[in-house]
């Protein structure tokens, strides 16, 4: 478990996606760390079944290297 930075797609925000902030969310990431790409789109699914796409905010090779080594961003 950890914290990662995501950004909503243009035109989307918590209000348009009807998110309250009380959801638990699962993020569908590649199974192998080395398959993650900079600024990759990922699917987020909430505990009530809502799914939407966000951008996984690893924006530089240095950030990707920290993440690859289980670092804190």
PDB file of N, CA and C in Angstrom:
ATOM      1  N   UNK A   1       0.848  -1.166   0.000  1.00  0.00           N
ATOM      2  CA  UNK A   1       0.000   0.000   0.000  1.00  0.00           C
ATOM      3  C   UNK A   1       0.890   1.223   0.000  1.00  0.00           C
ATOM      4  N   UNK A   2       0.458   2.250  -0.717  1.00  0.00           N
ATOM      5  CA  UNK A   2       1.226   3.472  -0.757  1.00  0.00           C
ATOM      6  C   UNK A   2       0.420   4.588  -1.359  1.00  0.00           C
ATOM      7  N   UNK A   3       1.081   5.695  -1.543  1.00  0.00           N
ATOM      8  CA  UNK A   3       0.442   6.864  -2.125  1.00  0.00           C
ATOM      9  C   UNK A   3       1.131   7.174  -3.442  1.00  0.00           C
ATOM     10  N   UNK A   4       0.338   7.328  -4.483  1.00  0.00           N
ATOM     11  CA  UNK A   4       0.874   7.733  -5.780  1.00  0.00           C
ATOM     12  C   UNK A   4       0.056   8.911  -6.283  1.00  0.00           C
ATOM     13  N   UNK A   5       0.646   9.666  -7.153  1.00  0.00           N
ATOM     14  CA  UNK A   5      -0.023  10.839  -7.700  1.00  0.00           C
ATOM     15  C   UNK A   5      -0.717  10.480  -9.013  1.00  0.00           C
ATOM     16  N   UNK A   6      -1.991  10.852  -9.100  1.00  0.00           N
ATOM     17  CA  UNK A   6      -2.783  10.662 -10.314  1.00  0.00           C
ATOM     18  C   UNK A   6      -3.383  12.002 -10.705  1.00  0.00           C
ATOM     19  N   UNK A   7      -3.655  12.186 -11.971  1.00  0.00           N
ATOM     20  CA  UNK A   7      -4.398  13.377 -12.389  1.00  0.00           C
ATOM     21  C   UNK A   7      -5.581  12.945 -13.247  1.00  0.00           C
ATOM     22  N   UNK A   8      -6.675  13.672 -13.076  1.00  0.00           N
ATOM     23  CA  UNK A   8      -7.869  13.394 -13.856  1.00  0.00           C
ATOM     24  C   UNK A   8      -7.639  13.780 -15.312  1.00  0.00           C
ATOM     25  N   UNK A   9      -8.390  13.165 -16.187  1.00  0.00           N
ATOM     26  CA  UNK A   9      -8.348  13.498 -17.607  1.00  0.00           C
ATOM     27  C   UNK A   9      -9.027  14.862 -17.810  1.00  0.00           C
ATOM     28  N   UNK A  10      -8.689  15.572 -18.889  1.00  0.00           N
ATOM     29  CA  UNK A  10      -9.321  16.871 -19.146  1.00  0.00           C
ATOM     30  C   UNK A  10     -10.845  16.761 -19.144  1.00  0.00           C
ATOM     31  N   UNK A  11     -11.482  17.696 -18.460  1.00  0.00           N
ATOM     32  CA  UNK A  11     -12.939  17.718 -18.381  1.00  0.00           C
ATOM     33  C   UNK A  11     -13.512  16.867 -17.266  1.00  0.00           C
ATOM     34  N   UNK A  12     -12.657  16.123 -16.577  1.00  0.00           N
ATOM     35  CA  UNK A  12     -13.125  15.293 -15.464  1.00  0.00           C
ATOM     36  C   UNK A  12     -12.573  15.842 -14.153  1.00  0.00           C
ATOM     37  N   UNK A  13     -13.356  15.669 -13.114  1.00  0.00           N
ATOM     38  CA  UNK A  13     -12.944  16.038 -11.766  1.00  0.00           C
ATOM     39  C   UNK A  13     -13.813  15.238 -10.800  1.00  0.00           C
ATOM     40  N   UNK A  14     -13.568  15.347  -9.494  1.00  0.00           N
ATOM     41  CA  UNK A  14     -14.375  14.552  -8.559  1.00  0.00           C
ATOM     42  C   UNK A  14     -15.880  14.782  -8.716  1.00  0.00           C
ATOM     43  N   UNK A  15     -16.263  16.012  -9.017  1.00  0.00           N
ATOM     44  CA  UNK A  15     -17.692  16.299  -9.161  1.00  0.00           C
ATOM     45  C   UNK A  15     -18.288  15.615 -10.383  1.00  0.00           C
ATOM     46  N   UNK A  16     -17.630  15.721 -11.541  1.00  0.00           N
ATOM     47  CA  UNK A  16     -18.187  15.106 -12.752  1.00  0.00           C
ATOM     48  C   UNK A  16     -18.188  13.584 -12.651  1.00  0.00           C
ATOM     49  N   UNK A  17     -17.248  13.025 -11.877  1.00  0.00           N
ATOM     50  CA  UNK A  17     -17.193  11.568 -11.696  1.00  0.00           C
ATOM     51  C   UNK A  17     -18.026  11.108 -10.501  1.00  0.00           C
ATOM     52  N   UNK A  18     -18.670  12.064  -9.829  1.00  0.00           N
ATOM     53  CA  UNK A  18     -19.518  11.790  -8.664  1.00  0.00           C
ATOM     54  C   UNK A  18     -18.749  11.072  -7.562  1.00  0.00           C
ATOM     55  N   UNK A  19     -17.546  11.558  -7.280  1.00  0.00           N
ATOM     56  CA  UNK A  19     -16.729  11.008  -6.202  1.00  0.00           C
ATOM     57  C   UNK A  19     -16.925  11.862  -4.955  1.00  0.00           C
ATOM     58  N   UNK A  20     -16.983  11.210  -3.810  1.00  0.00           N
ATOM     59  CA  UNK A  20     -17.208  11.930  -2.555  1.00  0.00           C
ATOM     60  C   UNK A  20     -15.928  12.139  -1.752  1.00  0.00           C
ATOM     61  N   UNK A  21     -14.901  11.345  -2.032  1.00  0.00           N
ATOM     62  CA  UNK A  21     -13.683  11.382  -1.228  1.00  0.00           C
ATOM     63  C   UNK A  21     -13.671  10.316  -0.153  1.00  0.00           C
ATOM     64  N   UNK A  22     -14.758   9.597  -0.014  1.00  0.00           N
ATOM     65  CA  UNK A  22     -14.846   8.526   0.978  1.00  0.00           C
ATOM     66  C   UNK A  22     -14.633   7.149   0.356  1.00  0.00           C
ATOM     67  N   UNK A  23     -14.375   7.109  -0.950  1.00  0.00           N
ATOM     68  CA  UNK A  23     -14.200   5.839  -1.651  1.00  0.00           C
ATOM     69  C   UNK A  23     -12.839   5.220  -1.329  1.00  0.00           C
ATOM     70  N   UNK A  24     -12.794   3.914  -1.389  1.00  0.00           N
ATOM     71  CA  UNK A  24     -11.528   3.179  -1.447  1.00  0.00           C
ATOM     72  C   UNK A  24     -11.357   2.805  -2.913  1.00  0.00           C
ATOM     73  N   UNK A  25     -10.167   3.002  -3.430  1.00  0.00           N
ATOM     74  CA  UNK A  25      -9.954   2.784  -4.858  1.00  0.00           C
ATOM     75  C   UNK A  25      -8.832   1.802  -5.112  1.00  0.00           C
ATOM     76  N   UNK A  26      -8.979   1.044  -6.177  1.00  0.00           N
ATOM     77  CA  UNK A  26      -7.932   0.147  -6.659  1.00  0.00           C
ATOM     78  C   UNK A  26      -7.442   0.705  -7.987  1.00  0.00           C
ATOM     79  N   UNK A  27      -6.124   0.708  -8.162  1.00  0.00           N
ATOM     80  CA  UNK A  27      -5.524   1.228  -9.385  1.00  0.00           C
ATOM     81  C   UNK A  27      -4.922   0.066 -10.143  1.00  0.00           C
ATOM     82  N   UNK A  28      -5.331  -0.082 -11.390  1.00  0.00           N
ATOM     83  CA  UNK A  28      -4.862  -1.185 -12.229  1.00  0.00           C
ATOM     84  C   UNK A  28      -3.519  -0.806 -12.848  1.00  0.00           C
ATOM     85  N   UNK A  29      -2.432  -1.277 -12.224  1.00  0.00           N
ATOM     86  CA  UNK A  29      -1.075  -1.025 -12.714  1.00  0.00           C
ATOM     87  C   UNK A  29      -0.528  -2.279 -13.379  1.00  0.00           C
ATOM     88  N   UNK A  30       0.444  -2.122 -14.262  1.00  0.00           N
ATOM     89  CA  UNK A  30       1.102  -3.311 -14.822  1.00  0.00           C
ATOM     90  C   UNK A  30       1.668  -4.181 -13.695  1.00  0.00           C
ATOM     91  N   UNK A  31       1.714  -5.480 -13.916  1.00  0.00           N
ATOM     92  CA  UNK A  31       2.198  -6.391 -12.877  1.00  0.00           C
ATOM     93  C   UNK A  31       3.698  -6.291 -12.663  1.00  0.00           C
ATOM     94  N   UNK A  32       4.418  -5.845 -13.666  1.00  0.00           N
ATOM     95  CA  UNK A  32       5.866  -5.691 -13.541  1.00  0.00           C
ATOM     96  C   UNK A  32       6.209  -4.204 -13.536  1.00  0.00           C
ATOM     97  N   UNK A  33       6.968  -3.786 -12.535  1.00  0.00           N
ATOM     98  CA  UNK A  33       7.345  -2.382 -12.409  1.00  0.00           C
ATOM     99  C   UNK A  33       7.986  -1.860 -13.690  1.00  0.00           C
ATOM    100  N   UNK A  34       8.830  -2.676 -14.322  1.00  0.00           N
ATOM    101  CA  UNK A  34       9.539  -2.186 -15.513  1.00  0.00           C
ATOM    102  C   UNK A  34       8.618  -1.996 -16.716  1.00  0.00           C
ATOM    103  N   UNK A  35       7.334  -2.358 -16.590  1.00  0.00           N
ATOM    104  CA  UNK A  35       6.369  -2.127 -17.666  1.00  0.00           C
ATOM    105  C   UNK A  35       5.658  -0.780 -17.520  1.00  0.00           C
ATOM    106  N   UNK A  36       5.850  -0.106 -16.385  1.00  0.00           N
ATOM    107  CA  UNK A  36       5.216   1.192 -16.166  1.00  0.00           C
ATOM    108  C   UNK A  36       5.941   2.247 -16.992  1.00  0.00           C
ATOM    109  N   UNK A  37       5.177   3.084 -17.659  1.00  0.00           N
ATOM    110  CA  UNK A  37       5.719   4.142 -18.507  1.00  0.00           C
ATOM    111  C   UNK A  37       5.408   5.513 -17.904  1.00  0.00           C
ATOM    112  N   UNK A  38       6.201   6.484 -18.249  1.00  0.00           N
ATOM    113  CA  UNK A  38       5.968   7.842 -17.773  1.00  0.00           C
ATOM    114  C   UNK A  38       4.598   8.332 -18.229  1.00  0.00           C
ATOM    115  N   UNK A  39       3.876   8.989 -17.319  1.00  0.00           N
ATOM    116  CA  UNK A  39       2.564   9.586 -17.602  1.00  0.00           C
ATOM    117  C   UNK A  39       1.594   8.588 -18.244  1.00  0.00           C
ATOM    118  N   UNK A  40       1.622   7.358 -17.782  1.00  0.00           N
ATOM    119  CA  UNK A  40       0.760   6.297 -18.323  1.00  0.00           C
ATOM    120  C   UNK A  40      -0.677   6.458 -17.833  1.00  0.00           C
ATOM    121  N   UNK A  41      -1.639   6.143 -18.691  1.00  0.00           N
ATOM    122  CA  UNK A  41      -3.038   6.113 -18.280  1.00  0.00           C
ATOM    123  C   UNK A  41      -3.312   4.815 -17.536  1.00  0.00           C
ATOM    124  N   UNK A  42      -4.050   4.930 -16.430  1.00  0.00           N
ATOM    125  CA  UNK A  42      -4.405   3.766 -15.622  1.00  0.00           C
ATOM    126  C   UNK A  42      -5.901   3.805 -15.328  1.00  0.00           C
ATOM    127  N   UNK A  43      -6.467   2.642 -15.064  1.00  0.00           N
ATOM    128  CA  UNK A  43      -7.873   2.544 -14.695  1.00  0.00           C
ATOM    129  C   UNK A  43      -7.987   2.502 -13.181  1.00  0.00           C
ATOM    130  N   UNK A  44      -8.872   3.335 -12.662  1.00  0.00           N
ATOM    131  CA  UNK A  44      -9.149   3.383 -11.228  1.00  0.00           C
ATOM    132  C   UNK A  44     -10.565   2.859 -11.033  1.00  0.00           C
ATOM    133  N   UNK A  45     -10.737   1.931 -10.085  1.00  0.00           N
ATOM    134  CA  UNK A  45     -12.057   1.383  -9.777  1.00  0.00           C
ATOM    135  C   UNK A  45     -12.337   1.601  -8.298  1.00  0.00           C
ATOM    136  N   UNK A  46     -13.483   2.195  -7.999  1.00  0.00           N
ATOM    137  CA  UNK A  46     -13.849   2.458  -6.611  1.00  0.00           C
ATOM    138  C   UNK A  46     -14.550   1.243  -6.010  1.00  0.00           C
ATOM    139  N   UNK A  47     -14.677   1.266  -4.685  1.00  0.00           N
ATOM    140  CA  UNK A  47     -15.304   0.141  -3.998  1.00  0.00           C
ATOM    141  C   UNK A  47     -16.787  -0.005  -4.329  1.00  0.00           C
ATOM    142  N   UNK A  48     -17.397   1.028  -4.920  1.00  0.00           N
ATOM    143  CA  UNK A  48     -18.796   0.879  -5.337  1.00  0.00           C
ATOM    144  C   UNK A  48     -18.925   0.566  -6.827  1.00  0.00           C
ATOM    145  N   UNK A  49     -17.785   0.243  -7.483  1.00  0.00           N
ATOM    146  CA  UNK A  49     -17.808  -0.242  -8.854  1.00  0.00           C
ATOM    147  C   UNK A  49     -17.618   0.793  -9.947  1.00  0.00           C
ATOM    148  N   UNK A  50     -17.472   2.062  -9.595  1.00  0.00           N
ATOM    149  CA  UNK A  50     -17.220   3.083 -10.618  1.00  0.00           C
ATOM    150  C   UNK A  50     -15.803   2.926 -11.143  1.00  0.00           C
ATOM    151  N   UNK A  51     -15.636   3.067 -12.448  1.00  0.00           N
ATOM    152  CA  UNK A  51     -14.305   3.018 -13.063  1.00  0.00           C
ATOM    153  C   UNK A  51     -14.098   4.267 -13.904  1.00  0.00           C
ATOM    154  N   UNK A  52     -12.882   4.761 -13.890  1.00  0.00           N
ATOM    155  CA  UNK A  52     -12.514   5.914 -14.703  1.00  0.00           C
ATOM    156  C   UNK A  52     -11.019   5.859 -14.972  1.00  0.00           C
ATOM    157  N   UNK A  53     -10.562   6.650 -15.922  1.00  0.00           N
ATOM    158  CA  UNK A  53      -9.157   6.659 -16.312  1.00  0.00           C
ATOM    159  C   UNK A  53      -8.480   7.913 -15.777  1.00  0.00           C
ATOM    160  N   UNK A  54      -7.298   7.727 -15.220  1.00  0.00           N
ATOM    161  CA  UNK A  54      -6.456   8.828 -14.752  1.00  0.00           C
ATOM    162  C   UNK A  54      -5.065   8.657 -15.345  1.00  0.00           C
ATOM    163  N   UNK A  55      -4.267   9.702 -15.227  1.00  0.00           N
ATOM    164  CA  UNK A  55      -2.875   9.626 -15.646  1.00  0.00           C
ATOM    165  C   UNK A  55      -2.009   9.407 -14.417  1.00  0.00           C
ATOM    166  N   UNK A  56      -1.199   8.371 -14.459  1.00  0.00           N
ATOM    167  CA  UNK A  56      -0.261   8.024 -13.392  1.00  0.00           C
ATOM    168  C   UNK A  56       0.895   9.004 -13.488  1.00  0.00           C
ATOM    169  N   UNK A  57       1.084   9.843 -12.470  1.00  0.00           N
ATOM    170  CA  UNK A  57       2.003  10.963 -12.563  1.00  0.00           C
ATOM    171  C   UNK A  57       3.422  10.615 -12.131  1.00  0.00           C
ATOM    172  N   UNK A  58       4.047   9.785 -12.922  1.00  0.00           N
ATOM    173  CA  UNK A  58       5.496   9.632 -12.862  1.00  0.00           C
ATOM    174  C   UNK A  58       5.985  10.342 -14.116  1.00  0.00           C
ATOM    175  N   UNK A  59       6.537  11.533 -13.939  1.00  0.00           N
ATOM    176  CA  UNK A  59       6.808  12.406 -15.077  1.00  0.00           C
ATOM    177  C   UNK A  59       8.262  12.436 -15.519  1.00  0.00           C
ATOM    178  N   UNK A  60       9.168  11.879 -14.716  1.00  0.00           N
ATOM    179  CA  UNK A  60      10.586  11.882 -15.091  1.00  0.00           C
ATOM    180  C   UNK A  60      11.178  10.500 -14.844  1.00  0.00           C
ATOM    181  N   UNK A  61      12.283  10.235 -15.474  1.00  0.00           N
ATOM    182  CA  UNK A  61      12.978   8.958 -15.267  1.00  0.00           C
ATOM    183  C   UNK A  61      13.415   8.810 -13.809  1.00  0.00           C
ATOM    184  N   UNK A  62      13.765   9.916 -13.153  1.00  0.00           N
ATOM    185  CA  UNK A  62      14.177   9.868 -11.741  1.00  0.00           C
ATOM    186  C   UNK A  62      13.001   9.426 -10.872  1.00  0.00           C
ATOM    187  N   UNK A  63      11.817   9.985 -11.103  1.00  0.00           N
ATOM    188  CA  UNK A  63      10.635   9.570 -10.347  1.00  0.00           C
ATOM    189  C   UNK A  63      10.330   8.095 -10.578  1.00  0.00           C
ATOM    190  N   UNK A  64      10.450   7.647 -11.808  1.00  0.00           N
ATOM    191  CA  UNK A  64      10.219   6.242 -12.126  1.00  0.00           C
ATOM    192  C   UNK A  64      11.223   5.353 -11.399  1.00  0.00           C
ATOM    193  N   UNK A  65      12.480   5.778 -11.322  1.00  0.00           N
ATOM    194  CA  UNK A  65      13.508   5.009 -10.615  1.00  0.00           C
ATOM    195  C   UNK A  65      13.199   4.929  -9.123  1.00  0.00           C
ATOM    196  N   UNK A  66      12.758   6.034  -8.503  1.00  0.00           N
ATOM    197  CA  UNK A  66      12.356   6.008  -7.093  1.00  0.00           C
ATOM    198  C   UNK A  66      11.231   5.004  -6.886  1.00  0.00           C
ATOM    199  N   UNK A  67      10.215   5.073  -7.731  1.00  0.00           N
ATOM    200  CA  UNK A  67       9.074   4.170  -7.623  1.00  0.00           C
ATOM    201  C   UNK A  67       9.513   2.723  -7.794  1.00  0.00           C
ATOM    202  N   UNK A  68      10.390   2.479  -8.741  1.00  0.00           N
ATOM    203  CA  UNK A  68      10.901   1.136  -9.013  1.00  0.00           C
ATOM    204  C   UNK A  68      11.615   0.552  -7.796  1.00  0.00           C
ATOM    205  N   UNK A  69      12.223   1.399  -6.991  1.00  0.00           N
ATOM    206  CA  UNK A  69      12.950   0.952  -5.798  1.00  0.00           C
ATOM    207  C   UNK A  69      12.090   1.061  -4.538  1.00  0.00           C
ATOM    208  N   UNK A  70      10.767   1.114  -4.711  1.00  0.00           N
ATOM    209  CA  UNK A  70       9.802   1.233  -3.611  1.00  0.00           C
ATOM    210  C   UNK A  70       9.989   2.517  -2.829  1.00  0.00           C
ATOM    211  N   UNK A  71      10.425   3.559  -3.520  1.00  0.00           N
ATOM    212  CA  UNK A  71      10.654   4.844  -2.868  1.00  0.00           C
ATOM    213  C   UNK A  71       9.379   5.612  -2.641  1.00  0.00           C
ATOM    214  N   UNK A  72       9.471   6.583  -1.776  1.00  0.00           N
ATOM    215  CA  UNK A  72       8.347   7.454  -1.472  1.00  0.00           C
ATOM    216  C   UNK A  72       8.440   8.676  -2.357  1.00  0.00           C
ATOM    217  N   UNK A  73       7.349   9.007  -3.007  1.00  0.00           N
ATOM    218  CA  UNK A  73       7.328  10.170  -3.904  1.00  0.00           C
ATOM    219  C   UNK A  73       6.827  11.378  -3.145  1.00  0.00           C
TER     220      UNK A  73
END
